Every structure is written in structure tokens, then in C-alpha cells.
């Protein structure tokens, strides 16, 4: 993750202002591993920032994605979620409760070259999503 000095430098290089709202959204993302939506972030930080609007949260998230501090993920549920880890890595989502988790120890570095070797494309990046049932939903729904 980035330090405040790193973040300030990134914003300065991009000629963007590092506002308290941007820091609040980024700090919230650093505090969680649950891949929240903009609405969840808004509700969580609105207590500390009651004048911040949901639109500001959306704009801030867009900016943080554009400068490479966070990752926007779309697991096909109609809205985006946000990940504090901006590096490319696979995700898994529970089809019952919607929980999203990172695969920290699943190395798919060869995936791009494998795709290139089997196509006529120059692959720039990939996004990998797995879908299944989390441990809690397996137990509560008696899924095997």
C-alpha cells in the first residue's frame, strides 16, 4: 500500500488536489478487505464527513482508480466494487451473499502469455473472477 507521501506525490504528478474527502475514501478502503461499493463507502464515512455527497464518493473513486491507487472490479452484479489492492489479481465471489475475496496465493502470471500463445492478440492485462459459495453460505444452505 502507499504512504501519505506517496499519495501526495502521485496527486502532484497528475496535477490533482489531494482533498480530505479523497483521503477519507482511500483510508476507508485501506481499512477493509471486503471490496465495498460506493454506497457502502459513503455510508461508512458520512458520519465523519456529513457534508460529503454520494456523488463526491463516486468522483473520488473514479479519480483513485485513474491514478492507480485502487482497483475497480465488476463481478457482474450491476454495480462496481472497489479494491485497495491496485495490482492485478484474481477475485472470487459468493453467489449467495455477494461477498468478494482476493486470491492472495494464486499465481496467474502466465495467463497473459498463455492467451497470447493461443491467439493473435498482444494481451495487455486480464481480470479473473471465480464464482462459488463461501464457507458460511455452504454451511447455512447445506451446499456441498
N, C-alpha and C. Protein backbone atom coordinates (compact mmCIF):
# COMPACT_ATOMS: atom_id res chain seq x y z
N UNK A 1 0.83 -1.18 0.00
CA UNK A 1 0.00 0.00 0.00
C UNK A 1 0.89 1.26 0.00
N UNK A 2 0.26 2.37 -0.24
CA UNK A 2 1.00 3.61 -0.38
C UNK A 2 0.98 4.41 0.92
N UNK A 3 2.05 5.17 1.15
CA UNK A 3 2.09 6.08 2.29
C UNK A 3 1.43 7.39 1.86
N UNK A 4 1.15 8.24 2.84
CA UNK A 4 0.56 9.55 2.53
C UNK A 4 1.50 10.35 1.63
N UNK A 5 2.81 10.24 1.85
CA UNK A 5 3.78 10.94 0.99
C UNK A 5 3.69 10.44 -0.44
N UNK A 6 3.56 9.11 -0.62
CA UNK A 6 3.42 8.53 -1.96
C UNK A 6 2.17 9.08 -2.65
N UNK A 7 1.08 9.10 -1.89
CA UNK A 7 -0.20 9.56 -2.44
C UNK A 7 -0.09 11.03 -2.83
N UNK A 8 0.49 11.83 -1.97
CA UNK A 8 0.66 13.26 -2.26
C UNK A 8 1.48 13.46 -3.53
N UNK A 9 2.53 12.67 -3.69
CA UNK A 9 3.38 12.77 -4.88
C UNK A 9 2.61 12.35 -6.14
N UNK A 10 1.85 11.29 -6.05
CA UNK A 10 1.05 10.82 -7.19
C UNK A 10 0.07 11.90 -7.62
N UNK A 11 -0.62 12.49 -6.66
CA UNK A 11 -1.59 13.54 -6.99
C UNK A 11 -0.90 14.77 -7.57
N UNK A 12 0.27 15.13 -7.02
CA UNK A 12 1.01 16.28 -7.52
C UNK A 12 1.45 16.05 -8.96
N UNK A 13 1.95 14.83 -9.26
CA UNK A 13 2.37 14.50 -10.62
C UNK A 13 1.21 14.57 -11.61
N UNK A 14 0.02 14.21 -11.15
CA UNK A 14 -1.16 14.24 -12.02
C UNK A 14 -1.85 15.59 -12.02
N UNK A 15 -1.27 16.54 -11.27
CA UNK A 15 -1.82 17.89 -11.14
C UNK A 15 -3.24 17.87 -10.57
N UNK A 16 -3.42 17.04 -9.56
CA UNK A 16 -4.70 16.92 -8.87
C UNK A 16 -4.54 17.35 -7.43
N UNK A 17 -5.62 17.82 -6.86
CA UNK A 17 -5.63 18.25 -5.47
C UNK A 17 -5.92 17.05 -4.56
N UNK A 18 -5.15 16.89 -3.52
CA UNK A 18 -5.39 15.83 -2.55
C UNK A 18 -6.27 16.38 -1.44
N UNK A 19 -7.56 16.13 -1.56
CA UNK A 19 -8.55 16.70 -0.64
C UNK A 19 -8.78 15.76 0.54
N UNK A 20 -9.33 16.29 1.63
CA UNK A 20 -9.67 15.44 2.77
C UNK A 20 -10.66 14.33 2.39
N UNK A 21 -11.57 14.64 1.46
CA UNK A 21 -12.54 13.63 1.02
C UNK A 21 -11.85 12.48 0.30
N UNK A 22 -10.90 12.80 -0.56
CA UNK A 22 -10.16 11.75 -1.28
C UNK A 22 -9.38 10.88 -0.30
N UNK A 23 -8.76 11.53 0.67
CA UNK A 23 -8.03 10.77 1.68
C UNK A 23 -8.96 9.91 2.52
N UNK A 24 -10.13 10.43 2.85
CA UNK A 24 -11.09 9.67 3.65
C UNK A 24 -11.55 8.41 2.92
N UNK A 25 -11.84 8.55 1.64
CA UNK A 25 -12.28 7.38 0.86
C UNK A 25 -11.15 6.37 0.76
N UNK A 26 -9.95 6.85 0.46
CA UNK A 26 -8.80 5.94 0.33
C UNK A 26 -8.50 5.26 1.66
N UNK A 27 -8.52 6.01 2.75
CA UNK A 27 -8.26 5.43 4.07
C UNK A 27 -9.31 4.39 4.45
N UNK A 28 -10.56 4.64 4.06
CA UNK A 28 -11.59 3.64 4.34
C UNK A 28 -11.27 2.34 3.60
N UNK A 29 -10.89 2.47 2.33
CA UNK A 29 -10.56 1.27 1.56
C UNK A 29 -9.36 0.53 2.16
N UNK A 30 -8.41 1.29 2.69
CA UNK A 30 -7.25 0.64 3.33
C UNK A 30 -7.66 -0.13 4.58
N UNK A 31 -8.75 0.29 5.20
CA UNK A 31 -9.18 -0.31 6.47
C UNK A 31 -10.01 -1.58 6.30
N UNK A 32 -10.34 -1.94 5.07
CA UNK A 32 -11.21 -3.08 4.86
C UNK A 32 -10.70 -3.96 3.72
N UNK A 33 -11.04 -5.23 3.78
CA UNK A 33 -10.70 -6.14 2.69
C UNK A 33 -11.96 -6.66 2.02
N UNK A 34 -13.09 -6.01 2.27
CA UNK A 34 -14.39 -6.55 1.82
C UNK A 34 -14.82 -6.07 0.44
N UNK A 35 -14.06 -5.27 -0.28
CA UNK A 35 -14.40 -4.82 -1.62
C UNK A 35 -15.76 -4.11 -1.65
N UNK A 36 -15.87 -2.98 -0.96
CA UNK A 36 -17.17 -2.30 -0.85
C UNK A 36 -17.59 -1.58 -2.12
N UNK A 37 -18.88 -1.32 -2.20
CA UNK A 37 -19.44 -0.49 -3.27
C UNK A 37 -19.32 0.97 -2.84
N UNK A 38 -19.60 1.89 -3.76
CA UNK A 38 -19.57 3.32 -3.44
C UNK A 38 -20.58 3.64 -2.34
N UNK A 39 -21.73 3.00 -2.39
CA UNK A 39 -22.77 3.25 -1.39
C UNK A 39 -22.33 2.83 0.01
N UNK A 40 -21.66 1.70 0.10
CA UNK A 40 -21.16 1.22 1.39
C UNK A 40 -20.11 2.18 1.94
N UNK A 41 -19.23 2.64 1.07
CA UNK A 41 -18.19 3.59 1.49
C UNK A 41 -18.84 4.89 1.96
N UNK A 42 -19.80 5.36 1.19
CA UNK A 42 -20.49 6.60 1.54
C UNK A 42 -21.13 6.51 2.93
N UNK A 43 -21.85 5.43 3.18
CA UNK A 43 -22.50 5.25 4.48
C UNK A 43 -21.48 5.18 5.61
N UNK A 44 -20.36 4.53 5.37
CA UNK A 44 -19.35 4.36 6.41
C UNK A 44 -18.66 5.68 6.77
N UNK A 45 -18.40 6.53 5.79
CA UNK A 45 -17.66 7.75 6.09
C UNK A 45 -18.54 8.98 6.27
N UNK A 46 -19.84 8.85 6.02
CA UNK A 46 -20.73 10.01 6.15
C UNK A 46 -20.87 10.48 7.58
N UNK A 47 -20.62 9.62 8.54
CA UNK A 47 -20.66 10.03 9.95
C UNK A 47 -19.56 11.05 10.21
N UNK A 48 -18.36 10.75 9.69
CA UNK A 48 -17.23 11.66 9.89
C UNK A 48 -17.27 12.85 8.93
N UNK A 49 -17.87 12.65 7.76
CA UNK A 49 -17.96 13.70 6.74
C UNK A 49 -19.42 13.88 6.33
N UNK A 50 -20.25 14.49 7.19
CA UNK A 50 -21.69 14.58 6.92
C UNK A 50 -22.06 15.44 5.71
N UNK A 51 -21.18 16.31 5.27
CA UNK A 51 -21.49 17.15 4.12
C UNK A 51 -21.05 16.52 2.80
N UNK A 52 -20.35 15.39 2.86
CA UNK A 52 -19.91 14.73 1.64
C UNK A 52 -21.10 14.02 0.98
N UNK A 53 -21.23 14.20 -0.32
CA UNK A 53 -22.33 13.57 -1.05
C UNK A 53 -21.89 12.24 -1.65
N UNK A 54 -22.87 11.44 -2.03
CA UNK A 54 -22.59 10.19 -2.72
C UNK A 54 -21.90 10.47 -4.04
N UNK A 55 -22.27 11.55 -4.70
CA UNK A 55 -21.64 11.93 -5.97
C UNK A 55 -20.14 12.20 -5.78
N UNK A 56 -19.78 12.81 -4.66
CA UNK A 56 -18.37 13.06 -4.35
C UNK A 56 -17.63 11.75 -4.16
N UNK A 57 -18.26 10.79 -3.51
CA UNK A 57 -17.64 9.48 -3.31
C UNK A 57 -17.40 8.82 -4.67
N UNK A 58 -18.39 8.87 -5.55
CA UNK A 58 -18.23 8.29 -6.89
C UNK A 58 -17.08 8.97 -7.65
N UNK A 59 -17.06 10.29 -7.63
CA UNK A 59 -16.00 11.03 -8.32
C UNK A 59 -14.62 10.72 -7.73
N UNK A 60 -14.56 10.61 -6.41
CA UNK A 60 -13.31 10.30 -5.73
C UNK A 60 -12.83 8.91 -6.11
N UNK A 61 -13.73 7.94 -6.13
CA UNK A 61 -13.36 6.58 -6.52
C UNK A 61 -12.83 6.54 -7.95
N UNK A 62 -13.49 7.27 -8.84
CA UNK A 62 -13.05 7.33 -10.24
C UNK A 62 -11.63 7.90 -10.31
N UNK A 63 -11.37 8.95 -9.55
CA UNK A 63 -10.05 9.57 -9.54
C UNK A 63 -9.01 8.61 -8.98
N UNK A 64 -9.33 7.93 -7.88
CA UNK A 64 -8.38 6.99 -7.27
C UNK A 64 -8.05 5.83 -8.21
N UNK A 65 -9.04 5.41 -8.99
CA UNK A 65 -8.79 4.36 -10.00
C UNK A 65 -7.88 4.91 -11.09
N UNK A 66 -8.18 6.12 -11.57
CA UNK A 66 -7.41 6.72 -12.66
C UNK A 66 -5.95 6.94 -12.30
N UNK A 67 -5.66 7.27 -11.05
CA UNK A 67 -4.27 7.49 -10.64
C UNK A 67 -3.58 6.20 -10.19
N UNK A 68 -4.31 5.09 -10.21
CA UNK A 68 -3.71 3.79 -9.93
C UNK A 68 -3.57 3.42 -8.47
N UNK A 69 -4.33 4.08 -7.60
CA UNK A 69 -4.24 3.76 -6.17
C UNK A 69 -5.15 2.61 -5.76
N UNK A 70 -6.26 2.44 -6.48
CA UNK A 70 -7.21 1.37 -6.17
C UNK A 70 -7.64 0.70 -7.48
N UNK A 71 -8.39 -0.36 -7.33
CA UNK A 71 -8.88 -1.10 -8.49
C UNK A 71 -10.41 -1.15 -8.45
N UNK A 72 -11.01 -0.94 -9.60
CA UNK A 72 -12.46 -1.07 -9.73
C UNK A 72 -12.74 -2.47 -10.26
N UNK A 73 -13.64 -3.18 -9.59
CA UNK A 73 -13.95 -4.53 -10.06
C UNK A 73 -15.44 -4.64 -10.36
N UNK A 74 -15.73 -5.41 -11.38
CA UNK A 74 -17.11 -5.63 -11.80
C UNK A 74 -17.33 -7.12 -11.86
N UNK A 75 -18.02 -7.66 -10.88
CA UNK A 75 -18.26 -9.10 -10.84
C UNK A 75 -19.65 -9.43 -11.38
N UNK A 76 -20.25 -8.49 -12.10
CA UNK A 76 -21.49 -8.77 -12.80
C UNK A 76 -22.76 -8.62 -11.98
N UNK A 77 -22.75 -7.80 -10.96
CA UNK A 77 -23.95 -7.64 -10.14
C UNK A 77 -24.62 -6.30 -10.34
N UNK A 78 -24.25 -5.58 -11.37
CA UNK A 78 -24.91 -4.33 -11.68
C UNK A 78 -24.26 -3.09 -11.10
N UNK A 79 -23.30 -3.25 -10.21
CA UNK A 79 -22.56 -2.09 -9.72
C UNK A 79 -21.11 -2.49 -9.49
N UNK A 80 -20.27 -1.48 -9.34
CA UNK A 80 -18.85 -1.73 -9.16
C UNK A 80 -18.51 -1.85 -7.69
N UNK A 81 -17.46 -2.59 -7.43
CA UNK A 81 -16.87 -2.68 -6.10
C UNK A 81 -15.44 -2.16 -6.22
N UNK A 82 -14.85 -1.85 -5.09
CA UNK A 82 -13.52 -1.24 -5.10
C UNK A 82 -12.57 -2.01 -4.20
N UNK A 83 -11.34 -2.13 -4.69
CA UNK A 83 -10.31 -2.94 -4.03
C UNK A 83 -9.12 -2.06 -3.73
N UNK A 84 -8.65 -2.13 -2.50
CA UNK A 84 -7.49 -1.34 -2.10
C UNK A 84 -6.21 -1.80 -2.80
N UNK A 85 -6.19 -3.02 -3.30
CA UNK A 85 -5.03 -3.57 -3.98
C UNK A 85 -5.16 -3.28 -5.47
N UNK A 86 -4.36 -2.34 -5.97
CA UNK A 86 -4.46 -1.92 -7.36
C UNK A 86 -3.77 -2.87 -8.32
N UNK A 87 -2.96 -3.79 -7.80
CA UNK A 87 -2.26 -4.74 -8.66
C UNK A 87 -3.24 -5.80 -9.17
N UNK A 88 -2.96 -6.30 -10.35
CA UNK A 88 -3.81 -7.32 -10.95
C UNK A 88 -3.77 -8.60 -10.12
N UNK A 89 -4.94 -9.09 -9.75
CA UNK A 89 -5.04 -10.34 -9.01
C UNK A 89 -6.46 -10.88 -9.15
N UNK A 90 -6.62 -12.19 -9.03
CA UNK A 90 -7.96 -12.78 -9.20
C UNK A 90 -8.84 -12.58 -7.97
N UNK A 91 -10.15 -12.59 -8.21
CA UNK A 91 -11.15 -12.46 -7.15
C UNK A 91 -12.11 -13.64 -7.20
N UNK A 92 -12.77 -13.89 -6.09
CA UNK A 92 -13.81 -14.91 -6.03
C UNK A 92 -15.02 -14.29 -5.34
N UNK A 93 -16.22 -14.57 -5.87
CA UNK A 93 -17.44 -14.01 -5.30
C UNK A 93 -18.41 -15.12 -4.93
N UNK A 94 -19.04 -14.96 -3.76
CA UNK A 94 -20.08 -15.89 -3.33
C UNK A 94 -21.37 -15.56 -4.08
N UNK A 95 -21.95 -16.56 -4.70
CA UNK A 95 -23.17 -16.37 -5.48
C UNK A 95 -24.40 -16.28 -4.59
N UNK A 96 -24.23 -16.50 -3.28
CA UNK A 96 -25.36 -16.43 -2.36
C UNK A 96 -25.39 -15.07 -1.65
N UNK A 97 -24.31 -14.72 -0.94
CA UNK A 97 -24.29 -13.49 -0.15
C UNK A 97 -23.61 -12.32 -0.84
N UNK A 98 -22.88 -12.57 -1.92
CA UNK A 98 -22.22 -11.50 -2.66
C UNK A 98 -20.83 -11.14 -2.18
N UNK A 99 -20.36 -11.77 -1.13
CA UNK A 99 -19.03 -11.49 -0.60
C UNK A 99 -17.98 -11.70 -1.69
N UNK A 100 -16.99 -10.79 -1.74
CA UNK A 100 -15.88 -10.89 -2.69
C UNK A 100 -14.59 -11.02 -1.90
N UNK A 101 -13.74 -11.92 -2.32
CA UNK A 101 -12.44 -12.12 -1.66
C UNK A 101 -11.34 -12.15 -2.71
N UNK A 102 -10.13 -11.83 -2.26
CA UNK A 102 -8.94 -11.90 -3.11
C UNK A 102 -8.35 -13.30 -3.03
N UNK A 103 -7.71 -13.69 -4.12
CA UNK A 103 -6.83 -14.86 -4.09
C UNK A 103 -5.43 -14.31 -3.90
N UNK A 104 -4.89 -14.45 -2.72
CA UNK A 104 -3.57 -13.91 -2.45
C UNK A 104 -2.45 -14.84 -2.91
N UNK A 105 -2.69 -16.13 -2.92
CA UNK A 105 -1.63 -17.08 -3.22
C UNK A 105 -1.86 -17.85 -4.51
N UNK A 106 -2.70 -17.34 -5.37
CA UNK A 106 -2.96 -17.98 -6.65
C UNK A 106 -2.24 -17.18 -7.73
N UNK A 107 -1.17 -17.74 -8.25
CA UNK A 107 -0.33 -17.04 -9.22
C UNK A 107 -0.80 -17.36 -10.64
N UNK A 108 -1.31 -16.35 -11.30
CA UNK A 108 -1.77 -16.50 -12.69
C UNK A 108 -0.94 -15.64 -13.64
N UNK A 109 0.33 -15.41 -13.28
CA UNK A 109 1.20 -14.56 -14.09
C UNK A 109 1.36 -15.07 -15.52
N UNK A 110 1.25 -16.38 -15.72
CA UNK A 110 1.43 -16.95 -17.05
C UNK A 110 0.17 -16.85 -17.91
N UNK A 111 -0.91 -16.37 -17.36
CA UNK A 111 -2.18 -16.33 -18.08
C UNK A 111 -2.11 -15.46 -19.33
N UNK A 112 -1.47 -14.30 -19.24
CA UNK A 112 -1.38 -13.41 -20.40
C UNK A 112 -0.58 -14.05 -21.53
N UNK A 113 0.56 -14.65 -21.20
CA UNK A 113 1.35 -15.28 -22.24
C UNK A 113 0.64 -16.50 -22.82
N UNK A 114 -0.09 -17.23 -22.00
CA UNK A 114 -0.87 -18.37 -22.47
C UNK A 114 -1.94 -17.90 -23.46
N UNK A 115 -2.61 -16.79 -23.14
CA UNK A 115 -3.62 -16.23 -24.04
C UNK A 115 -2.98 -15.76 -25.35
N UNK A 116 -1.81 -15.11 -25.25
CA UNK A 116 -1.12 -14.65 -26.46
C UNK A 116 -0.71 -15.83 -27.34
N UNK A 117 -0.22 -16.89 -26.70
CA UNK A 117 0.23 -18.07 -27.46
C UNK A 117 -0.91 -18.78 -28.16
N UNK A 118 -2.13 -18.55 -27.71
CA UNK A 118 -3.30 -19.21 -28.29
C UNK A 118 -4.20 -18.26 -29.06
N UNK A 119 -3.66 -17.09 -29.42
CA UNK A 119 -4.43 -16.11 -30.19
C UNK A 119 -3.47 -15.26 -31.00
N UNK A 120 -4.00 -14.33 -31.75
CA UNK A 120 -3.16 -13.39 -32.48
C UNK A 120 -3.21 -12.00 -31.82
N UNK A 121 -3.46 -11.98 -30.50
CA UNK A 121 -3.54 -10.72 -29.74
C UNK A 121 -2.27 -10.47 -28.95
N UNK A 122 -1.99 -9.22 -28.71
CA UNK A 122 -1.00 -8.80 -27.73
C UNK A 122 -1.81 -8.47 -26.48
N UNK A 123 -1.71 -9.29 -25.45
CA UNK A 123 -2.51 -9.13 -24.25
C UNK A 123 -1.87 -8.08 -23.33
N UNK A 124 -2.67 -7.11 -22.92
CA UNK A 124 -2.18 -6.05 -22.04
C UNK A 124 -2.43 -6.36 -20.57
N UNK A 125 -3.60 -6.90 -20.26
CA UNK A 125 -3.93 -7.25 -18.89
C UNK A 125 -5.11 -8.19 -18.88
N UNK A 126 -5.43 -8.70 -17.71
CA UNK A 126 -6.61 -9.56 -17.58
C UNK A 126 -7.29 -9.27 -16.26
N UNK A 127 -8.52 -9.69 -16.17
CA UNK A 127 -9.28 -9.65 -14.92
C UNK A 127 -9.93 -11.01 -14.78
N UNK A 128 -9.61 -11.68 -13.68
CA UNK A 128 -10.10 -13.04 -13.49
C UNK A 128 -11.03 -13.07 -12.28
N UNK A 129 -12.23 -13.62 -12.49
CA UNK A 129 -13.22 -13.75 -11.43
C UNK A 129 -13.67 -15.21 -11.35
N UNK A 130 -13.76 -15.70 -10.15
CA UNK A 130 -14.31 -17.03 -9.89
C UNK A 130 -15.59 -16.84 -9.10
N UNK A 131 -16.52 -17.75 -9.27
CA UNK A 131 -17.81 -17.68 -8.59
C UNK A 131 -18.09 -19.00 -7.91
N UNK A 132 -18.64 -18.93 -6.71
CA UNK A 132 -18.98 -20.13 -5.96
C UNK A 132 -19.73 -19.75 -4.70
N UNK A 133 -19.62 -20.58 -3.67
CA UNK A 133 -20.29 -20.34 -2.40
C UNK A 133 -19.27 -20.28 -1.28
N UNK A 134 -19.33 -19.22 -0.49
CA UNK A 134 -18.39 -19.07 0.63
C UNK A 134 -18.69 -20.12 1.70
N UNK A 135 -17.78 -20.24 2.63
CA UNK A 135 -17.89 -21.24 3.69
C UNK A 135 -19.17 -21.06 4.50
N UNK A 136 -19.48 -19.81 4.85
CA UNK A 136 -20.69 -19.54 5.66
C UNK A 136 -21.96 -19.93 4.91
N UNK A 137 -22.03 -19.57 3.62
CA UNK A 137 -23.24 -19.91 2.85
C UNK A 137 -23.34 -21.41 2.58
N UNK A 138 -22.21 -22.06 2.44
CA UNK A 138 -22.23 -23.52 2.27
C UNK A 138 -22.86 -24.18 3.50
N UNK A 139 -22.47 -23.68 4.68
CA UNK A 139 -22.97 -24.26 5.92
C UNK A 139 -24.44 -23.91 6.14
N UNK A 140 -24.82 -22.65 5.90
CA UNK A 140 -26.21 -22.23 6.17
C UNK A 140 -27.19 -22.80 5.14
N UNK A 141 -26.73 -23.00 3.92
CA UNK A 141 -27.60 -23.54 2.87
C UNK A 141 -27.42 -25.05 2.68
N UNK A 142 -26.49 -25.62 3.48
CA UNK A 142 -26.17 -27.05 3.37
C UNK A 142 -25.80 -27.42 1.94
N UNK A 143 -24.91 -26.59 1.35
CA UNK A 143 -24.43 -26.83 -0.01
C UNK A 143 -23.14 -27.64 0.04
N UNK A 144 -22.99 -28.54 -0.88
CA UNK A 144 -21.75 -29.34 -0.95
C UNK A 144 -21.14 -29.21 -2.32
